[in-house]
Amino acid sequence: MSHDLIIQIFRETLKTMLFIISPVLLLTLIIGLAISIFQAVTQIHEMTLVFVPKILLIIVCLIFFFPWMINMLTGFTIELITNIPVYVR
């Protein structure tokens, strides 16, 4: 197994990970920004006001995007397993 092959596998792993987690992270970032603006405008600094909407959004996001995430992970895993003979050489 050459160094180029290891780098290629690592790169594909990182790319798949970023594709899978990006919808959740982006929506959480947007809701966090909106809550921060709301807190700055109203001067309400309650900690549960930050965490509860984010947790609810993450749960809804995971329910909505979970089939797509599983398909991405399954495709990546199948590709890795089918290429094992190439990796061994």
PDB file of N, CA and C in Angstrom:
ATOM      1  N   MET A   1       0.849  -1.170   0.000  1.00  0.00           N
ATOM      2  CA  MET A   1       0.000   0.000   0.000  1.00  0.00           C
ATOM      3  C   MET A   1       0.898   1.237   0.000  1.00  0.00           C
ATOM      4  N   SER A   2       0.737   2.054  -1.001  1.00  0.00           N
ATOM      5  CA  SER A   2       1.591   3.226  -1.139  1.00  0.00           C
ATOM      6  C   SER A   2       1.027   4.411  -0.337  1.00  0.00           C
ATOM      7  N   HIS A   3       1.866   5.394  -0.173  1.00  0.00           N
ATOM      8  CA  HIS A   3       1.452   6.590   0.561  1.00  0.00           C
ATOM      9  C   HIS A   3       0.362   7.351  -0.194  1.00  0.00           C
ATOM     10  N   ASP A   4       0.428   7.343  -1.509  1.00  0.00           N
ATOM     11  CA  ASP A   4      -0.595   8.031  -2.306  1.00  0.00           C
ATOM     12  C   ASP A   4      -1.973   7.411  -2.101  1.00  0.00           C
ATOM     13  N   LEU A   5      -2.013   6.088  -2.007  1.00  0.00           N
ATOM     14  CA  LEU A   5      -3.276   5.394  -1.790  1.00  0.00           C
ATOM     15  C   LEU A   5      -3.841   5.709  -0.407  1.00  0.00           C
ATOM     16  N   ILE A   6      -2.974   5.759   0.597  1.00  0.00           N
ATOM     17  CA  ILE A   6      -3.408   6.094   1.951  1.00  0.00           C
ATOM     18  C   ILE A   6      -3.952   7.523   1.994  1.00  0.00           C
ATOM     19  N   ILE A   7      -3.280   8.437   1.335  1.00  0.00           N
ATOM     20  CA  ILE A   7      -3.736   9.829   1.288  1.00  0.00           C
ATOM     21  C   ILE A   7      -5.069   9.928   0.563  1.00  0.00           C
ATOM     22  N   GLN A   8      -5.227   9.166  -0.516  1.00  0.00           N
ATOM     23  CA  GLN A   8      -6.485   9.178  -1.259  1.00  0.00           C
ATOM     24  C   GLN A   8      -7.632   8.647  -0.395  1.00  0.00           C
ATOM     25  N   ILE A   9      -7.420   7.564   0.330  1.00  0.00           N
ATOM     26  CA  ILE A   9      -8.454   7.006   1.211  1.00  0.00           C
ATOM     27  C   ILE A   9      -8.797   8.012   2.306  1.00  0.00           C
ATOM     28  N   PHE A  10      -7.771   8.621   2.893  1.00  0.00           N
ATOM     29  CA  PHE A  10      -7.990   9.614   3.945  1.00  0.00           C
ATOM     30  C   PHE A  10      -8.764  10.818   3.415  1.00  0.00           C
ATOM     31  N   ARG A  11      -8.428  11.255   2.220  1.00  0.00           N
ATOM     32  CA  ARG A  11      -9.120  12.396   1.609  1.00  0.00           C
ATOM     33  C   ARG A  11     -10.591  12.075   1.359  1.00  0.00           C
ATOM     34  N   GLU A  12     -10.864  10.878   0.849  1.00  0.00           N
ATOM     35  CA  GLU A  12     -12.256  10.469   0.610  1.00  0.00           C
ATOM     36  C   GLU A  12     -13.025  10.345   1.929  1.00  0.00           C
ATOM     37  N   THR A  13     -12.352   9.872   2.966  1.00  0.00           N
ATOM     38  CA  THR A  13     -12.986   9.765   4.278  1.00  0.00           C
ATOM     39  C   THR A  13     -13.359  11.145   4.809  1.00  0.00           C
ATOM     40  N   LEU A  14     -12.442  12.098   4.722  1.00  0.00           N
ATOM     41  CA  LEU A  14     -12.729  13.455   5.182  1.00  0.00           C
ATOM     42  C   LEU A  14     -13.833  14.116   4.360  1.00  0.00           C
ATOM     43  N   LYS A  15     -13.803  13.893   3.053  1.00  0.00           N
ATOM     44  CA  LYS A  15     -14.825  14.475   2.181  1.00  0.00           C
ATOM     45  C   LYS A  15     -16.206  13.914   2.522  1.00  0.00           C
ATOM     46  N   THR A  16     -16.286  12.614   2.740  1.00  0.00           N
ATOM     47  CA  THR A  16     -17.558  11.996   3.103  1.00  0.00           C
ATOM     48  C   THR A  16     -18.045  12.507   4.453  1.00  0.00           C
ATOM     49  N   MET A  17     -17.124  12.630   5.398  1.00  0.00           N
ATOM     50  CA  MET A  17     -17.487  13.131   6.718  1.00  0.00           C
ATOM     51  C   MET A  17     -18.021  14.564   6.632  1.00  0.00           C
ATOM     52  N   LEU A  18     -17.376  15.412   5.853  1.00  0.00           N
ATOM     53  CA  LEU A  18     -17.829  16.796   5.714  1.00  0.00           C
ATOM     54  C   LEU A  18     -19.186  16.886   5.029  1.00  0.00           C
ATOM     55  N   PHE A  19     -19.418  16.043   4.017  1.00  0.00           N
ATOM     56  CA  PHE A  19     -20.722  16.037   3.348  1.00  0.00           C
ATOM     57  C   PHE A  19     -21.820  15.601   4.310  1.00  0.00           C
ATOM     58  N   ILE A  20     -21.515  14.635   5.164  1.00  0.00           N
ATOM     59  CA  ILE A  20     -22.534  14.102   6.063  1.00  0.00           C
ATOM     60  C   ILE A  20     -22.880  15.098   7.162  1.00  0.00           C
ATOM     61  N   ILE A  21     -21.901  15.751   7.733  1.00  0.00           N
ATOM     62  CA  ILE A  21     -22.141  16.608   8.888  1.00  0.00           C
ATOM     63  C   ILE A  21     -22.498  18.046   8.505  1.00  0.00           C
ATOM     64  N   SER A  22     -22.239  18.456   7.272  1.00  0.00           N
ATOM     65  CA  SER A  22     -22.445  19.860   6.894  1.00  0.00           C
ATOM     66  C   SER A  22     -23.887  20.360   7.029  1.00  0.00           C
ATOM     67  N   PRO A  23     -24.931  19.608   6.669  1.00  0.00           N
ATOM     68  CA  PRO A  23     -26.286  20.167   6.841  1.00  0.00           C
ATOM     69  C   PRO A  23     -26.612  20.474   8.304  1.00  0.00           C
ATOM     70  N   VAL A  24     -26.217  19.564   9.189  1.00  0.00           N
ATOM     71  CA  VAL A  24     -26.502  19.767  10.607  1.00  0.00           C
ATOM     72  C   VAL A  24     -25.715  20.967  11.140  1.00  0.00           C
ATOM     73  N   LEU A  25     -24.451  21.049  10.780  1.00  0.00           N
ATOM     74  CA  LEU A  25     -23.624  22.152  11.264  1.00  0.00           C
ATOM     75  C   LEU A  25     -24.093  23.505  10.735  1.00  0.00           C
ATOM     76  N   LEU A  26     -24.438  23.562   9.460  1.00  0.00           N
ATOM     77  CA  LEU A  26     -24.880  24.833   8.882  1.00  0.00           C
ATOM     78  C   LEU A  26     -26.197  25.315   9.483  1.00  0.00           C
ATOM     79  N   LEU A  27     -27.151  24.408   9.655  1.00  0.00           N
ATOM     80  CA  LEU A  27     -28.426  24.815  10.240  1.00  0.00           C
ATOM     81  C   LEU A  27     -28.266  25.205  11.706  1.00  0.00           C
ATOM     82  N   THR A  28     -27.396  24.503  12.419  1.00  0.00           N
ATOM     83  CA  THR A  28     -27.131  24.858  13.813  1.00  0.00           C
ATOM     84  C   THR A  28     -26.442  26.217  13.899  1.00  0.00           C
ATOM     85  N   LEU A  29     -25.532  26.487  12.984  1.00  0.00           N
ATOM     86  CA  LEU A  29     -24.875  27.787  12.948  1.00  0.00           C
ATOM     87  C   LEU A  29     -25.872  28.910  12.689  1.00  0.00           C
ATOM     88  N   ILE A  30     -26.788  28.697  11.761  1.00  0.00           N
ATOM     89  CA  ILE A  30     -27.785  29.712  11.429  1.00  0.00           C
ATOM     90  C   ILE A  30     -28.714  29.964  12.616  1.00  0.00           C
ATOM     91  N   ILE A  31     -29.201  28.899  13.267  1.00  0.00           N
ATOM     92  CA  ILE A  31     -30.104  29.093  14.405  1.00  0.00           C
ATOM     93  C   ILE A  31     -29.357  29.716  15.583  1.00  0.00           C
ATOM     94  N   GLY A  32     -28.094  29.369  15.764  1.00  0.00           N
ATOM     95  CA  GLY A  32     -27.290  29.982  16.827  1.00  0.00           C
ATOM     96  C   GLY A  32     -27.101  31.459  16.600  1.00  0.00           C
ATOM     97  N   LEU A  33     -26.856  31.836  15.361  1.00  0.00           N
ATOM     98  CA  LEU A  33     -26.709  33.250  15.023  1.00  0.00           C
ATOM     99  C   LEU A  33     -28.017  34.012  15.237  1.00  0.00           C
ATOM    100  N   ALA A  34     -29.128  33.407  14.834  1.00  0.00           N
ATOM    101  CA  ALA A  34     -30.430  34.051  15.020  1.00  0.00           C
ATOM    102  C   ALA A  34     -30.749  34.222  16.504  1.00  0.00           C
ATOM    103  N   ILE A  35     -30.436  33.215  17.312  1.00  0.00           N
ATOM    104  CA  ILE A  35     -30.695  33.316  18.744  1.00  0.00           C
ATOM    105  C   ILE A  35     -29.784  34.357  19.379  1.00  0.00           C
ATOM    106  N   SER A  36     -28.540  34.435  18.941  1.00  0.00           N
ATOM    107  CA  SER A  36     -27.620  35.446  19.471  1.00  0.00           C
ATOM    108  C   SER A  36     -28.094  36.852  19.152  1.00  0.00           C
ATOM    109  N   ILE A  37     -28.580  37.054  17.934  1.00  0.00           N
ATOM    110  CA  ILE A  37     -29.123  38.367  17.559  1.00  0.00           C
ATOM    111  C   ILE A  37     -30.355  38.686  18.403  1.00  0.00           C
ATOM    112  N   PHE A  38     -31.218  37.688  18.595  1.00  0.00           N
ATOM    113  CA  PHE A  38     -32.405  37.881  19.425  1.00  0.00           C
ATOM    114  C   PHE A  38     -32.023  38.242  20.860  1.00  0.00           C
ATOM    115  N   GLN A  39     -31.016  37.565  21.404  1.00  0.00           N
ATOM    116  CA  GLN A  39     -30.579  37.860  22.762  1.00  0.00           C
ATOM    117  C   GLN A  39     -29.964  39.255  22.867  1.00  0.00           C
ATOM    118  N   ALA A  40     -29.229  39.654  21.861  1.00  0.00           N
ATOM    119  CA  ALA A  40     -28.620  40.984  21.883  1.00  0.00           C
ATOM    120  C   ALA A  40     -29.673  42.083  21.793  1.00  0.00           C
ATOM    121  N   VAL A  41     -30.700  41.849  21.001  1.00  0.00           N
ATOM    122  CA  VAL A  41     -31.746  42.854  20.831  1.00  0.00           C
ATOM    123  C   VAL A  41     -32.616  42.957  22.086  1.00  0.00           C
ATOM    124  N   THR A  42     -32.988  41.818  22.662  1.00  0.00           N
ATOM    125  CA  THR A  42     -33.907  41.831  23.802  1.00  0.00           C
ATOM    126  C   THR A  42     -33.189  41.847  25.144  1.00  0.00           C
ATOM    127  N   GLN A  43     -31.913  41.657  25.174  1.00  0.00           N
ATOM    128  CA  GLN A  43     -31.090  41.589  26.378  1.00  0.00           C
ATOM    129  C   GLN A  43     -31.553  40.488  27.329  1.00  0.00           C
ATOM    130  N   ILE A  44     -32.056  39.416  26.769  1.00  0.00           N
ATOM    131  CA  ILE A  44     -32.399  38.222  27.547  1.00  0.00           C
ATOM    132  C   ILE A  44     -31.234  37.248  27.378  1.00  0.00           C
ATOM    133  N   HIS A  45     -30.555  36.949  28.464  1.00  0.00           N
ATOM    134  CA  HIS A  45     -29.378  36.072  28.384  1.00  0.00           C
ATOM    135  C   HIS A  45     -29.614  34.790  29.163  1.00  0.00           C
ATOM    136  N   GLU A  46     -30.609  34.069  28.760  1.00  0.00           N
ATOM    137  CA  GLU A  46     -30.934  32.794  29.380  1.00  0.00           C
ATOM    138  C   GLU A  46     -30.216  31.686  28.624  1.00  0.00           C
ATOM    139  N   MET A  47     -29.506  30.826  29.341  1.00  0.00           N
ATOM    140  CA  MET A  47     -28.709  29.788  28.685  1.00  0.00           C
ATOM    141  C   MET A  47     -29.580  28.729  28.014  1.00  0.00           C
ATOM    142  N   THR A  48     -30.738  28.431  28.593  1.00  0.00           N
ATOM    143  CA  THR A  48     -31.602  27.428  27.971  1.00  0.00           C
ATOM    144  C   THR A  48     -32.178  27.925  26.656  1.00  0.00           C
ATOM    145  N   LEU A  49     -32.239  29.234  26.488  1.00  0.00           N
ATOM    146  CA  LEU A  49     -32.717  29.805  25.232  1.00  0.00           C
ATOM    147  C   LEU A  49     -31.768  29.472  24.083  1.00  0.00           C
ATOM    148  N   VAL A  50     -30.522  29.212  24.395  1.00  0.00           N
ATOM    149  CA  VAL A  50     -29.535  28.863  23.373  1.00  0.00           C
ATOM    150  C   VAL A  50     -29.582  27.370  23.071  1.00  0.00           C
ATOM    151  N   PHE A  51     -29.616  26.546  24.107  1.00  0.00           N
ATOM    152  CA  PHE A  51     -29.450  25.112  23.918  1.00  0.00           C
ATOM    153  C   PHE A  51     -30.696  24.380  23.431  1.00  0.00           C
ATOM    154  N   VAL A  52     -31.843  24.723  23.944  1.00  0.00           N
ATOM    155  CA  VAL A  52     -33.068  23.990  23.603  1.00  0.00           C
ATOM    156  C   VAL A  52     -33.396  24.090  22.111  1.00  0.00           C
ATOM    157  N   PRO A  53     -33.412  25.277  21.502  1.00  0.00           N
ATOM    158  CA  PRO A  53     -33.692  25.306  20.054  1.00  0.00           C
ATOM    159  C   PRO A  53     -32.647  24.567  19.220  1.00  0.00           C
ATOM    160  N   LYS A  54     -31.372  24.657  19.629  1.00  0.00           N
ATOM    161  CA  LYS A  54     -30.336  23.950  18.878  1.00  0.00           C
ATOM    162  C   LYS A  54     -30.535  22.444  18.958  1.00  0.00           C
ATOM    163  N   ILE A  55     -30.840  21.939  20.150  1.00  0.00           N
ATOM    164  CA  ILE A  55     -31.058  20.500  20.302  1.00  0.00           C
ATOM    165  C   ILE A  55     -32.261  20.050  19.501  1.00  0.00           C
ATOM    166  N   LEU A  56     -33.348  20.815  19.551  1.00  0.00           N
ATOM    167  CA  LEU A  56     -34.532  20.464  18.771  1.00  0.00           C
ATOM    168  C   LEU A  56     -34.249  20.500  17.269  1.00  0.00           C
ATOM    169  N   LEU A  57     -33.495  21.509  16.828  1.00  0.00           N
ATOM    170  CA  LEU A  57     -33.146  21.603  15.416  1.00  0.00           C
ATOM    171  C   LEU A  57     -32.261  20.435  14.989  1.00  0.00           C
ATOM    172  N   ILE A  58     -31.323  20.036  15.825  1.00  0.00           N
ATOM    173  CA  ILE A  58     -30.458  18.898  15.495  1.00  0.00           C
ATOM    174  C   ILE A  58     -31.279  17.620  15.381  1.00  0.00           C
ATOM    175  N   ILE A  59     -32.241  17.424  16.279  1.00  0.00           N
ATOM    176  CA  ILE A  59     -33.092  16.234  16.213  1.00  0.00           C
ATOM    177  C   ILE A  59     -33.914  16.229  14.928  1.00  0.00           C
ATOM    178  N   VAL A  60     -34.522  17.369  14.591  1.00  0.00           N
ATOM    179  CA  VAL A  60     -35.312  17.464  13.362  1.00  0.00           C
ATOM    180  C   VAL A  60     -34.428  17.269  12.134  1.00  0.00           C
ATOM    181  N   CYS A  61     -33.243  17.858  12.177  1.00  0.00           N
ATOM    182  CA  CYS A  61     -32.285  17.745  11.067  1.00  0.00           C
ATOM    183  C   CYS A  61     -31.865  16.286  10.858  1.00  0.00           C
ATOM    184  N   LEU A  62     -31.575  15.602  11.946  1.00  0.00           N
ATOM    185  CA  LEU A  62     -31.168  14.202  11.838  1.00  0.00           C
ATOM    186  C   LEU A  62     -32.303  13.327  11.329  1.00  0.00           C
ATOM    187  N   ILE A  63     -33.526  13.614  11.762  1.00  0.00           N
ATOM    188  CA  ILE A  63     -34.671  12.849  11.260  1.00  0.00           C
ATOM    189  C   ILE A  63     -34.838  13.076   9.761  1.00  0.00           C
ATOM    190  N   PHE A  64     -34.674  14.315   9.326  1.00  0.00           N
ATOM    191  CA  PHE A  64     -34.873  14.646   7.909  1.00  0.00           C
ATOM    192  C   PHE A  64     -33.727  14.134   7.029  1.00  0.00           C
ATOM    193  N   PHE A  65     -32.469  14.307   7.474  1.00  0.00           N
ATOM    194  CA  PHE A  65     -31.311  13.967   6.655  1.00  0.00           C
ATOM    195  C   PHE A  65     -30.762  12.561   6.896  1.00  0.00           C
ATOM    196  N   PHE A  66     -31.313  11.808   7.856  1.00  0.00           N
ATOM    197  CA  PHE A  66     -30.743  10.507   8.190  1.00  0.00           C
ATOM    198  C   PHE A  66     -30.722   9.525   7.018  1.00  0.00           C
ATOM    199  N   PRO A  67     -31.790   9.408   6.209  1.00  0.00           N
ATOM    200  CA  PRO A  67     -31.701   8.481   5.063  1.00  0.00           C
ATOM    201  C   PRO A  67     -30.570   8.847   4.093  1.00  0.00           C
ATOM    202  N   TRP A  68     -30.408  10.131   3.831  1.00  0.00           N
ATOM    203  CA  TRP A  68     -29.325  10.569   2.941  1.00  0.00           C
ATOM    204  C   TRP A  68     -27.963  10.263   3.547  1.00  0.00           C
ATOM    205  N   MET A  69     -27.820  10.494   4.863  1.00  0.00           N
ATOM    206  CA  MET A  69     -26.557  10.212   5.544  1.00  0.00           C
ATOM    207  C   MET A  69     -26.224   8.723   5.494  1.00  0.00           C
ATOM    208  N   ILE A  70     -27.225   7.895   5.725  1.00  0.00           N
ATOM    209  CA  ILE A  70     -27.010   6.445   5.684  1.00  0.00           C
ATOM    210  C   ILE A  70     -26.626   6.008   4.277  1.00  0.00           C
ATOM    211  N   ASN A  71     -27.252   6.568   3.249  1.00  0.00           N
ATOM    212  CA  ASN A  71     -26.892   6.226   1.870  1.00  0.00           C
ATOM    213  C   ASN A  71     -25.450   6.620   1.558  1.00  0.00           C
ATOM    214  N   MET A  72     -25.035   7.799   2.019  1.00  0.00           N
ATOM    215  CA  MET A  72     -23.652   8.240   1.799  1.00  0.00           C
ATOM    216  C   MET A  72     -22.671   7.304   2.499  1.00  0.00           C
ATOM    217  N   LEU A  73     -22.950   6.971   3.754  1.00  0.00           N
ATOM    218  CA  LEU A  73     -22.057   6.092   4.504  1.00  0.00           C
ATOM    219  C   LEU A  73     -22.033   4.682   3.935  1.00  0.00           C
ATOM    220  N   THR A  74     -23.186   4.201   3.501  1.00  0.00           N
ATOM    221  CA  THR A  74     -23.246   2.865   2.908  1.00  0.00           C
ATOM    222  C   THR A  74     -22.458   2.815   1.602  1.00  0.00           C
ATOM    223  N   GLY A  75     -22.610   3.824   0.767  1.00  0.00           N
ATOM    224  CA  GLY A  75     -21.852   3.877  -0.487  1.00  0.00           C
ATOM    225  C   GLY A  75     -20.354   3.944  -0.237  1.00  0.00           C
ATOM    226  N   PHE A  76     -19.950   4.740   0.740  1.00  0.00           N
ATOM    227  CA  PHE A  76     -18.531   4.847   1.073  1.00  0.00           C
ATOM    228  C   PHE A  76     -17.989   3.526   1.601  1.00  0.00           C
ATOM    229  N   THR A  77     -18.749   2.865   2.464  1.00  0.00           N
ATOM    230  CA  THR A  77     -18.316   1.586   3.027  1.00  0.00           C
ATOM    231  C   THR A  77     -18.240   0.506   1.953  1.00  0.00           C
ATOM    232  N   ILE A  78     -19.224   0.465   1.074  1.00  0.00           N
ATOM    233  CA  ILE A  78     -19.206  -0.522  -0.013  1.00  0.00           C
ATOM    234  C   ILE A  78     -18.002  -0.291  -0.914  1.00  0.00           C
ATOM    235  N   GLU A  79     -17.713   0.973  -1.210  1.00  0.00           N
ATOM    236  CA  GLU A  79     -16.543   1.288  -2.040  1.00  0.00           C
ATOM    237  C   GLU A  79     -15.244   0.841  -1.364  1.00  0.00           C
ATOM    238  N   LEU A  80     -15.138   1.072  -0.073  1.00  0.00           N
ATOM    239  CA  LEU A  80     -13.938   0.643   0.652  1.00  0.00           C
ATOM    240  C   LEU A  80     -13.793  -0.877   0.648  1.00  0.00           C
ATOM    241  N   ILE A  81     -14.897  -1.568   0.906  1.00  0.00           N
ATOM    242  CA  ILE A  81     -14.831  -3.033   0.986  1.00  0.00           C
ATOM    243  C   ILE A  81     -14.552  -3.648  -0.372  1.00  0.00           C
ATOM    244  N   THR A  82     -15.157  -3.122  -1.433  1.00  0.00           N
ATOM    245  CA  THR A  82     -14.917  -3.702  -2.758  1.00  0.00           C
ATOM    246  C   THR A  82     -13.501  -3.427  -3.259  1.00  0.00           C
ATOM    247  N   ASN A  83     -12.862  -2.387  -2.750  1.00  0.00           N
ATOM    248  CA  ASN A  83     -11.502  -2.064  -3.182  1.00  0.00           C
ATOM    249  C   ASN A  83     -10.420  -2.670  -2.297  1.00  0.00           C
ATOM    250  N   ILE A  84     -10.780  -3.552  -1.387  1.00  0.00           N
ATOM    251  CA  ILE A  84      -9.770  -4.180  -0.523  1.00  0.00           C
ATOM    252  C   ILE A  84      -8.711  -4.922  -1.344  1.00  0.00           C
ATOM    253  N   PRO A  85      -9.067  -5.682  -2.396  1.00  0.00           N
ATOM    254  CA  PRO A  85      -7.989  -6.321  -3.183  1.00  0.00           C
ATOM    255  C   PRO A  85      -6.998  -5.318  -3.804  1.00  0.00           C
ATOM    256  N   VAL A  86      -7.472  -4.143  -4.181  1.00  0.00           N
ATOM    257  CA  VAL A  86      -6.597  -3.126  -4.729  1.00  0.00           C
ATOM    258  C   VAL A  86      -5.690  -2.585  -3.632  1.00  0.00           C
ATOM    259  N   TYR A  87      -6.233  -2.435  -2.429  1.00  0.00           N
ATOM    260  CA  TYR A  87      -5.438  -1.895  -1.325  1.00  0.00           C
ATOM    261  C   TYR A  87      -4.362  -2.865  -0.871  1.00  0.00           C
ATOM    262  N   VAL A  88      -4.608  -4.146  -0.974  1.00  0.00           N
ATOM    263  CA  VAL A  88      -3.657  -5.153  -0.503  1.00  0.00           C
ATOM    264  C   VAL A  88      -2.439  -5.212  -1.413  1.00  0.00           C
ATOM    265  N   ARG A  89      -2.612  -4.994  -2.693  1.00  0.00           N
ATOM    266  CA  ARG A  89      -1.507  -5.098  -3.649  1.00  0.00           C
ATOM    267  C   ARG A  89      -0.453  -4.120  -3.384  1.00  0.00           C
TER     268      ARG A  89
END
